[in-house]
Amino acid sequence: MTTGVNQVTIAELAALMKQAAGVSVDAHDLEARAETPFSEFGLDSLGLLGIVGELENQHGQALPTDAERCKSPRAFLDLVNGSLTTGA
């Protein structure tokens, strides 16, 4: 198993928040506040659903249905990267 393959970074998440949900957030701020709820960044569940869809398209695999219910960037990245790594 190779590590680092298909991992979504904080910077990618920040870019996806802008692209899929129209929410501009600095990647460094997002990293520093990774435990902060998405709502405090101005991202709602619909925006997160758009990000999930975009990641599914980019990686060619479905993400866990829980992904759109994650409350913070850290929880989202942990779940998504765990799923992409295992292919589950």
PDB file of N, CA and C in Angstrom:
ATOM      1  N   MET A   1       0.848  -1.190   0.000  1.00  0.00           N
ATOM      2  CA  MET A   1       0.000   0.000   0.000  1.00  0.00           C
ATOM      3  C   MET A   1       0.884   1.241   0.000  1.00  0.00           C
ATOM      4  N   THR A   2       0.607   2.166  -0.889  1.00  0.00           N
ATOM      5  CA  THR A   2       1.370   3.400  -0.918  1.00  0.00           C
ATOM      6  C   THR A   2       0.635   4.466  -0.126  1.00  0.00           C
ATOM      7  N   THR A   3       1.385   5.216   0.659  1.00  0.00           N
ATOM      8  CA  THR A   3       0.773   6.295   1.417  1.00  0.00           C
ATOM      9  C   THR A   3       0.963   7.594   0.653  1.00  0.00           C
ATOM     10  N   GLY A   4       0.091   8.547   0.912  1.00  0.00           N
ATOM     11  CA  GLY A   4       0.190   9.833   0.246  1.00  0.00           C
ATOM     12  C   GLY A   4      -0.527   9.871  -1.096  1.00  0.00           C
ATOM     13  N   VAL A   5      -0.963   8.728  -1.599  1.00  0.00           N
ATOM     14  CA  VAL A   5      -1.681   8.694  -2.859  1.00  0.00           C
ATOM     15  C   VAL A   5      -3.144   9.042  -2.590  1.00  0.00           C
ATOM     16  N   ASN A   6      -3.683   9.894  -3.432  1.00  0.00           N
ATOM     17  CA  ASN A   6      -5.092  10.265  -3.322  1.00  0.00           C
ATOM     18  C   ASN A   6      -5.460  10.972  -2.021  1.00  0.00           C
ATOM     19  N   GLN A   7      -4.485  11.580  -1.355  1.00  0.00           N
ATOM     20  CA  GLN A   7      -4.787  12.300  -0.126  1.00  0.00           C
ATOM     21  C   GLN A   7      -5.242  13.720  -0.467  1.00  0.00           C
ATOM     22  N   VAL A   8      -6.314  14.145   0.169  1.00  0.00           N
ATOM     23  CA  VAL A   8      -6.808  15.508  -0.008  1.00  0.00           C
ATOM     24  C   VAL A   8      -6.137  16.377   1.056  1.00  0.00           C
ATOM     25  N   THR A   9      -5.525  17.465   0.634  1.00  0.00           N
ATOM     26  CA  THR A   9      -4.817  18.353   1.555  1.00  0.00           C
ATOM     27  C   THR A   9      -5.729  19.489   2.003  1.00  0.00           C
ATOM     28  N   ILE A  10      -5.283  20.188   3.023  1.00  0.00           N
ATOM     29  CA  ILE A  10      -5.999  21.378   3.499  1.00  0.00           C
ATOM     30  C   ILE A  10      -6.113  22.396   2.354  1.00  0.00           C
ATOM     31  N   ALA A  11      -5.022  22.578   1.602  1.00  0.00           N
ATOM     32  CA  ALA A  11      -5.035  23.538   0.491  1.00  0.00           C
ATOM     33  C   ALA A  11      -6.067  23.145  -0.562  1.00  0.00           C
ATOM     34  N   GLU A  12      -6.155  21.847  -0.864  1.00  0.00           N
ATOM     35  CA  GLU A  12      -7.159  21.387  -1.825  1.00  0.00           C
ATOM     36  C   GLU A  12      -8.577  21.615  -1.298  1.00  0.00           C
ATOM     37  N   LEU A  13      -8.755  21.361   0.000  1.00  0.00           N
ATOM     38  CA  LEU A  13     -10.072  21.583   0.597  1.00  0.00           C
ATOM     39  C   LEU A  13     -10.455  23.054   0.522  1.00  0.00           C
ATOM     40  N   ALA A  14      -9.505  23.941   0.800  1.00  0.00           N
ATOM     41  CA  ALA A  14      -9.771  25.382   0.707  1.00  0.00           C
ATOM     42  C   ALA A  14     -10.161  25.761  -0.725  1.00  0.00           C
ATOM     43  N   ALA A  15      -9.450  25.204  -1.708  1.00  0.00           N
ATOM     44  CA  ALA A  15      -9.756  25.481  -3.117  1.00  0.00           C
ATOM     45  C   ALA A  15     -11.136  24.939  -3.483  1.00  0.00           C
ATOM     46  N   LEU A  16     -11.474  23.751  -2.984  1.00  0.00           N
ATOM     47  CA  LEU A  16     -12.785  23.166  -3.260  1.00  0.00           C
ATOM     48  C   LEU A  16     -13.905  23.957  -2.594  1.00  0.00           C
ATOM     49  N   MET A  17     -13.643  24.497  -1.410  1.00  0.00           N
ATOM     50  CA  MET A  17     -14.650  25.318  -0.740  1.00  0.00           C
ATOM     51  C   MET A  17     -14.985  26.530  -1.607  1.00  0.00           C
ATOM     52  N   LYS A  18     -13.968  27.112  -2.244  1.00  0.00           N
ATOM     53  CA  LYS A  18     -14.169  28.261  -3.137  1.00  0.00           C
ATOM     54  C   LYS A  18     -14.873  27.822  -4.414  1.00  0.00           C
ATOM     55  N   GLN A  19     -14.387  26.740  -5.014  1.00  0.00           N
ATOM     56  CA  GLN A  19     -14.892  26.275  -6.304  1.00  0.00           C
ATOM     57  C   GLN A  19     -16.320  25.732  -6.204  1.00  0.00           C
ATOM     58  N   ALA A  20     -16.568  24.858  -5.243  1.00  0.00           N
ATOM     59  CA  ALA A  20     -17.848  24.151  -5.180  1.00  0.00           C
ATOM     60  C   ALA A  20     -18.908  24.890  -4.364  1.00  0.00           C
ATOM     61  N   ALA A  21     -18.461  25.750  -3.425  1.00  0.00           N
ATOM     62  CA  ALA A  21     -19.434  26.381  -2.536  1.00  0.00           C
ATOM     63  C   ALA A  21     -19.340  27.904  -2.512  1.00  0.00           C
ATOM     64  N   GLY A  22     -18.355  28.459  -3.218  1.00  0.00           N
ATOM     65  CA  GLY A  22     -18.221  29.907  -3.252  1.00  0.00           C
ATOM     66  C   GLY A  22     -17.760  30.511  -1.936  1.00  0.00           C
ATOM     67  N   VAL A  23     -17.126  29.691  -1.091  1.00  0.00           N
ATOM     68  CA  VAL A  23     -16.647  30.159   0.212  1.00  0.00           C
ATOM     69  C   VAL A  23     -15.140  30.330   0.131  1.00  0.00           C
ATOM     70  N   SER A  24     -14.670  31.573   0.280  1.00  0.00           N
ATOM     71  CA  SER A  24     -13.236  31.840   0.236  1.00  0.00           C
ATOM     72  C   SER A  24     -12.654  31.729   1.636  1.00  0.00           C
ATOM     73  N   VAL A  25     -11.664  30.878   1.757  1.00  0.00           N
ATOM     74  CA  VAL A  25     -10.973  30.726   3.038  1.00  0.00           C
ATOM     75  C   VAL A  25      -9.500  30.480   2.753  1.00  0.00           C
ATOM     76  N   ASP A  26      -8.656  31.124   3.526  1.00  0.00           N
ATOM     77  CA  ASP A  26      -7.218  30.951   3.376  1.00  0.00           C
ATOM     78  C   ASP A  26      -6.815  29.571   3.879  1.00  0.00           C
ATOM     79  N   ALA A  27      -5.996  28.866   3.113  1.00  0.00           N
ATOM     80  CA  ALA A  27      -5.593  27.503   3.478  1.00  0.00           C
ATOM     81  C   ALA A  27      -4.880  27.473   4.829  1.00  0.00           C
ATOM     82  N   HIS A  28      -4.069  28.495   5.118  1.00  0.00           N
ATOM     83  CA  HIS A  28      -3.365  28.533   6.406  1.00  0.00           C
ATOM     84  C   HIS A  28      -4.343  28.726   7.549  1.00  0.00           C
ATOM     85  N   ASP A  29      -5.357  29.564   7.330  1.00  0.00           N
ATOM     86  CA  ASP A  29      -6.390  29.776   8.345  1.00  0.00           C
ATOM     87  C   ASP A  29      -7.179  28.487   8.563  1.00  0.00           C
ATOM     88  N   LEU A  30      -7.492  27.818   7.463  1.00  0.00           N
ATOM     89  CA  LEU A  30      -8.237  26.559   7.553  1.00  0.00           C
ATOM     90  C   LEU A  30      -7.428  25.519   8.337  1.00  0.00           C
ATOM     91  N   GLU A  31      -6.132  25.470   8.074  1.00  0.00           N
ATOM     92  CA  GLU A  31      -5.285  24.513   8.787  1.00  0.00           C
ATOM     93  C   GLU A  31      -5.185  24.863  10.275  1.00  0.00           C
ATOM     94  N   ALA A  32      -5.034  26.140  10.564  1.00  0.00           N
ATOM     95  CA  ALA A  32      -4.903  26.573  11.957  1.00  0.00           C
ATOM     96  C   ALA A  32      -6.199  26.342  12.736  1.00  0.00           C
ATOM     97  N   ARG A  33      -7.311  26.346  12.022  1.00  0.00           N
ATOM     98  CA  ARG A  33      -8.618  26.200  12.670  1.00  0.00           C
ATOM     99  C   ARG A  33      -9.323  24.929  12.194  1.00  0.00           C
ATOM    100  N   ALA A  34      -8.570  23.852  12.032  1.00  0.00           N
ATOM    101  CA  ALA A  34      -9.098  22.611  11.450  1.00  0.00           C
ATOM    102  C   ALA A  34     -10.208  21.979  12.279  1.00  0.00           C
ATOM    103  N   GLU A  35     -10.270  22.295  13.567  1.00  0.00           N
ATOM    104  CA  GLU A  35     -11.319  21.733  14.426  1.00  0.00           C
ATOM    105  C   GLU A  35     -12.560  22.634  14.471  1.00  0.00           C
ATOM    106  N   THR A  36     -12.479  23.796  13.833  1.00  0.00           N
ATOM    107  CA  THR A  36     -13.586  24.753  13.833  1.00  0.00           C
ATOM    108  C   THR A  36     -14.710  24.246  12.943  1.00  0.00           C
ATOM    109  N   PRO A  37     -15.959  24.370  13.392  1.00  0.00           N
ATOM    110  CA  PRO A  37     -17.072  23.910  12.548  1.00  0.00           C
ATOM    111  C   PRO A  37     -17.096  24.621  11.191  1.00  0.00           C
ATOM    112  N   PHE A  38     -17.464  23.866  10.157  1.00  0.00           N
ATOM    113  CA  PHE A  38     -17.564  24.439   8.814  1.00  0.00           C
ATOM    114  C   PHE A  38     -18.473  25.666   8.802  1.00  0.00           C
ATOM    115  N   SER A  39     -19.512  25.651   9.627  1.00  0.00           N
ATOM    116  CA  SER A  39     -20.463  26.761   9.640  1.00  0.00           C
ATOM    117  C   SER A  39     -19.778  28.090   9.962  1.00  0.00           C
ATOM    118  N   GLU A  40     -18.715  28.053  10.765  1.00  0.00           N
ATOM    119  CA  GLU A  40     -17.999  29.282  11.108  1.00  0.00           C
ATOM    120  C   GLU A  40     -17.188  29.821   9.934  1.00  0.00           C
ATOM    121  N   PHE A  41     -16.938  28.986   8.939  1.00  0.00           N
ATOM    122  CA  PHE A  41     -16.268  29.427   7.712  1.00  0.00           C
ATOM    123  C   PHE A  41     -17.302  29.874   6.670  1.00  0.00           C
ATOM    124  N   GLY A  42     -18.587  29.683   6.989  1.00  0.00           N
ATOM    125  CA  GLY A  42     -19.650  30.048   6.058  1.00  0.00           C
ATOM    126  C   GLY A  42     -20.048  28.925   5.117  1.00  0.00           C
ATOM    127  N   LEU A  43     -19.630  27.703   5.443  1.00  0.00           N
ATOM    128  CA  LEU A  43     -19.942  26.549   4.588  1.00  0.00           C
ATOM    129  C   LEU A  43     -21.110  25.777   5.199  1.00  0.00           C
ATOM    130  N   ASP A  44     -22.171  25.621   4.415  1.00  0.00           N
ATOM    131  CA  ASP A  44     -23.326  24.866   4.905  1.00  0.00           C
ATOM    132  C   ASP A  44     -23.299  23.444   4.344  1.00  0.00           C
ATOM    133  N   SER A  45     -24.301  22.662   4.715  1.00  0.00           N
ATOM    134  CA  SER A  45     -24.324  21.248   4.306  1.00  0.00           C
ATOM    135  C   SER A  45     -24.436  21.096   2.789  1.00  0.00           C
ATOM    136  N   LEU A  46     -25.127  22.007   2.144  1.00  0.00           N
ATOM    137  CA  LEU A  46     -25.244  21.941   0.686  1.00  0.00           C
ATOM    138  C   LEU A  46     -23.883  22.192   0.030  1.00  0.00           C
ATOM    139  N   GLY A  47     -23.133  23.138   0.566  1.00  0.00           N
ATOM    140  CA  GLY A  47     -21.791  23.408   0.058  1.00  0.00           C
ATOM    141  C   GLY A  47     -20.880  22.218   0.244  1.00  0.00           C
ATOM    142  N   LEU A  48     -21.000  21.573   1.401  1.00  0.00           N
ATOM    143  CA  LEU A  48     -20.178  20.397   1.681  1.00  0.00           C
ATOM    144  C   LEU A  48     -20.556  19.250   0.741  1.00  0.00           C
ATOM    145  N   LEU A  49     -21.814  19.134   0.438  1.00  0.00           N
ATOM    146  CA  LEU A  49     -22.277  18.120  -0.506  1.00  0.00           C
ATOM    147  C   LEU A  49     -21.656  18.356  -1.885  1.00  0.00           C
ATOM    148  N   GLY A  50     -21.546  19.615  -2.281  1.00  0.00           N
ATOM    149  CA  GLY A  50     -20.894  19.955  -3.551  1.00  0.00           C
ATOM    150  C   GLY A  50     -19.429  19.559  -3.563  1.00  0.00           C
ATOM    151  N   ILE A  51     -18.758  19.750  -2.432  1.00  0.00           N
ATOM    152  CA  ILE A  51     -17.349  19.369  -2.304  1.00  0.00           C
ATOM    153  C   ILE A  51     -17.214  17.854  -2.398  1.00  0.00           C
ATOM    154  N   VAL A  52     -18.101  17.134  -1.719  1.00  0.00           N
ATOM    155  CA  VAL A  52     -18.082  15.667  -1.772  1.00  0.00           C
ATOM    156  C   VAL A  52     -18.243  15.201  -3.225  1.00  0.00           C
ATOM    157  N   GLY A  53     -19.199  15.791  -3.940  1.00  0.00           N
ATOM    158  CA  GLY A  53     -19.428  15.424  -5.338  1.00  0.00           C
ATOM    159  C   GLY A  53     -18.220  15.700  -6.208  1.00  0.00           C
ATOM    160  N   GLU A  54     -17.581  16.827  -5.982  1.00  0.00           N
ATOM    161  CA  GLU A  54     -16.395  17.183  -6.757  1.00  0.00           C
ATOM    162  C   GLU A  54     -15.258  16.196  -6.486  1.00  0.00           C
ATOM    163  N   LEU A  55     -15.060  15.835  -5.221  1.00  0.00           N
ATOM    164  CA  LEU A  55     -14.009  14.864  -4.883  1.00  0.00           C
ATOM    165  C   LEU A  55     -14.311  13.491  -5.471  1.00  0.00           C
ATOM    166  N   GLU A  56     -15.572  13.101  -5.463  1.00  0.00           N
ATOM    167  CA  GLU A  56     -15.945  11.813  -6.057  1.00  0.00           C
ATOM    168  C   GLU A  56     -15.624  11.804  -7.550  1.00  0.00           C
ATOM    169  N   ASN A  57     -15.884  12.927  -8.225  1.00  0.00           N
ATOM    170  CA  ASN A  57     -15.562  13.026  -9.655  1.00  0.00           C
ATOM    171  C   ASN A  57     -14.055  12.969  -9.880  1.00  0.00           C
ATOM    172  N   GLN A  58     -13.300  13.704  -9.071  1.00  0.00           N
ATOM    173  CA  GLN A  58     -11.841  13.756  -9.241  1.00  0.00           C
ATOM    174  C   GLN A  58     -11.184  12.399  -8.996  1.00  0.00           C
ATOM    175  N   HIS A  59     -11.672  11.675  -8.006  1.00  0.00           N
ATOM    176  CA  HIS A  59     -11.012  10.427  -7.607  1.00  0.00           C
ATOM    177  C   HIS A  59     -11.683   9.182  -8.189  1.00  0.00           C
ATOM    178  N   GLY A  60     -12.827   9.365  -8.838  1.00  0.00           N
ATOM    179  CA  GLY A  60     -13.494   8.247  -9.491  1.00  0.00           C
ATOM    180  C   GLY A  60     -14.010   7.191  -8.536  1.00  0.00           C
ATOM    181  N   GLN A  61     -14.346   7.589  -7.325  1.00  0.00           N
ATOM    182  CA  GLN A  61     -14.928   6.638  -6.377  1.00  0.00           C
ATOM    183  C   GLN A  61     -15.869   7.373  -5.430  1.00  0.00           C
ATOM    184  N   ALA A  62     -16.830   6.633  -4.938  1.00  0.00           N
ATOM    185  CA  ALA A  62     -17.786   7.202  -3.995  1.00  0.00           C
ATOM    186  C   ALA A  62     -17.131   7.386  -2.635  1.00  0.00           C
ATOM    187  N   LEU A  63     -17.530   8.432  -1.954  1.00  0.00           N
ATOM    188  CA  LEU A  63     -17.068   8.669  -0.593  1.00  0.00           C
ATOM    189  C   LEU A  63     -18.145   8.199   0.372  1.00  0.00           C
ATOM    190  N   PRO A  64     -17.775   7.961   1.618  1.00  0.00           N
ATOM    191  CA  PRO A  64     -18.783   7.525   2.599  1.00  0.00           C
ATOM    192  C   PRO A  64     -19.915   8.543   2.701  1.00  0.00           C
ATOM    193  N   THR A  65     -21.122   8.070   2.924  1.00  0.00           N
ATOM    194  CA  THR A  65     -22.266   8.982   3.029  1.00  0.00           C
ATOM    195  C   THR A  65     -22.120   9.917   4.222  1.00  0.00           C
ATOM    196  N   ASP A  66     -21.320   9.533   5.200  1.00  0.00           N
ATOM    197  CA  ASP A  66     -21.087  10.404   6.364  1.00  0.00           C
ATOM    198  C   ASP A  66     -20.293  11.658   6.000  1.00  0.00           C
ATOM    199  N   ALA A  67     -19.588  11.655   4.883  1.00  0.00           N
ATOM    200  CA  ALA A  67     -18.690  12.758   4.540  1.00  0.00           C
ATOM    201  C   ALA A  67     -19.420  14.092   4.537  1.00  0.00           C
ATOM    202  N   GLU A  68     -20.636  14.109   4.013  1.00  0.00           N
ATOM    203  CA  GLU A  68     -21.370  15.373   3.940  1.00  0.00           C
ATOM    204  C   GLU A  68     -21.913  15.820   5.300  1.00  0.00           C
ATOM    205  N   ARG A  69     -21.780  14.959   6.310  1.00  0.00           N
ATOM    206  CA  ARG A  69     -22.249  15.325   7.653  1.00  0.00           C
ATOM    207  C   ARG A  69     -21.115  15.709   8.592  1.00  0.00           C
ATOM    208  N   CYS A  70     -19.888  15.686   8.107  1.00  0.00           N
ATOM    209  CA  CYS A  70     -18.750  16.073   8.948  1.00  0.00           C
ATOM    210  C   CYS A  70     -18.905  17.534   9.369  1.00  0.00           C
ATOM    211  N   LYS A  71     -18.520  17.805  10.592  1.00  0.00           N
ATOM    212  CA  LYS A  71     -18.717  19.148  11.141  1.00  0.00           C
ATOM    213  C   LYS A  71     -17.498  20.049  11.017  1.00  0.00           C
ATOM    214  N   SER A  72     -16.307  19.470  10.835  1.00  0.00           N
ATOM    215  CA  SER A  72     -15.097  20.299  10.785  1.00  0.00           C
ATOM    216  C   SER A  72     -14.184  19.836   9.651  1.00  0.00           C
ATOM    217  N   PRO A  73     -13.290  20.724   9.228  1.00  0.00           N
ATOM    218  CA  PRO A  73     -12.326  20.320   8.188  1.00  0.00           C
ATOM    219  C   PRO A  73     -11.519  19.093   8.590  1.00  0.00           C
ATOM    220  N   ARG A  74     -11.073  19.025   9.859  1.00  0.00           N
ATOM    221  CA  ARG A  74     -10.271  17.885  10.311  1.00  0.00           C
ATOM    222  C   ARG A  74     -11.071  16.588  10.189  1.00  0.00           C
ATOM    223  N   ALA A  75     -12.314  16.585  10.684  1.00  0.00           N
ATOM    224  CA  ALA A  75     -13.140  15.375  10.619  1.00  0.00           C
ATOM    225  C   ALA A  75     -13.387  14.972   9.161  1.00  0.00           C
ATOM    226  N   PHE A  76     -13.621  15.961   8.306  1.00  0.00           N
ATOM    227  CA  PHE A  76     -13.881  15.696   6.893  1.00  0.00           C
ATOM    228  C   PHE A  76     -12.656  15.073   6.224  1.00  0.00           C
ATOM    229  N   LEU A  77     -11.489  15.695   6.425  1.00  0.00           N
ATOM    230  CA  LEU A  77     -10.274  15.184   5.793  1.00  0.00           C
ATOM    231  C   LEU A  77      -9.897  13.807   6.319  1.00  0.00           C
ATOM    232  N   ASP A  78     -10.069  13.587   7.626  1.00  0.00           N
ATOM    233  CA  ASP A  78      -9.766  12.267   8.188  1.00  0.00           C
ATOM    234  C   ASP A  78     -10.643  11.194   7.541  1.00  0.00           C
ATOM    235  N   LEU A  79     -11.926  11.484   7.422  1.00  0.00           N
ATOM    236  CA  LEU A  79     -12.858  10.507   6.845  1.00  0.00           C
ATOM    237  C   LEU A  79     -12.571  10.302   5.354  1.00  0.00           C
ATOM    238  N   VAL A  80     -12.452  11.383   4.617  1.00  0.00           N
ATOM    239  CA  VAL A  80     -12.240  11.294   3.166  1.00  0.00           C
ATOM    240  C   VAL A  80     -10.907  10.619   2.853  1.00  0.00           C
ATOM    241  N   ASN A  81      -9.829  11.040   3.528  1.00  0.00           N
ATOM    242  CA  ASN A  81      -8.518  10.460   3.243  1.00  0.00           C
ATOM    243  C   ASN A  81      -8.460   9.000   3.676  1.00  0.00           C
ATOM    244  N   GLY A  82      -9.109   8.652   4.761  1.00  0.00           N
ATOM    245  CA  GLY A  82      -9.181   7.246   5.166  1.00  0.00           C
ATOM    246  C   GLY A  82      -9.886   6.412   4.125  1.00  0.00           C
ATOM    247  N   SER A  83     -10.952   6.954   3.571  1.00  0.00           N
ATOM    248  CA  SER A  83     -11.729   6.257   2.556  1.00  0.00           C
ATOM    249  C   SER A  83     -10.931   6.124   1.244  1.00  0.00           C
ATOM    250  N   LEU A  84     -10.257   7.202   0.848  1.00  0.00           N
ATOM    251  CA  LEU A  84      -9.488   7.158  -0.401  1.00  0.00           C
ATOM    252  C   LEU A  84      -8.301   6.209  -0.283  1.00  0.00           C
ATOM    253  N   THR A  85      -7.706   6.142   0.894  1.00  0.00           N
ATOM    254  CA  THR A  85      -6.547   5.277   1.110  1.00  0.00           C
ATOM    255  C   THR A  85      -6.944   3.804   1.041  1.00  0.00           C
ATOM    256  N   THR A  86      -8.063   3.471   1.679  1.00  0.00           N
ATOM    257  CA  THR A  86      -8.489   2.070   1.712  1.00  0.00           C
ATOM    258  C   THR A  86      -9.293   1.684   0.480  1.00  0.00           C
ATOM    259  N   GLY A  87      -9.798   2.703  -0.229  1.00  0.00           N
ATOM    260  CA  GLY A  87     -10.630   2.419  -1.392  1.00  0.00           C
ATOM    261  C   GLY A  87     -12.021   1.984  -1.014  1.00  0.00           C
ATOM    262  N   ALA A  88     -12.391   2.207   0.254  1.00  0.00           N
ATOM    263  CA  ALA A  88     -13.717   1.799   0.722  1.00  0.00           C
ATOM    264  C   ALA A  88     -14.724   2.906   0.558  1.00  0.00           C
TER     265      ALA A  88
END
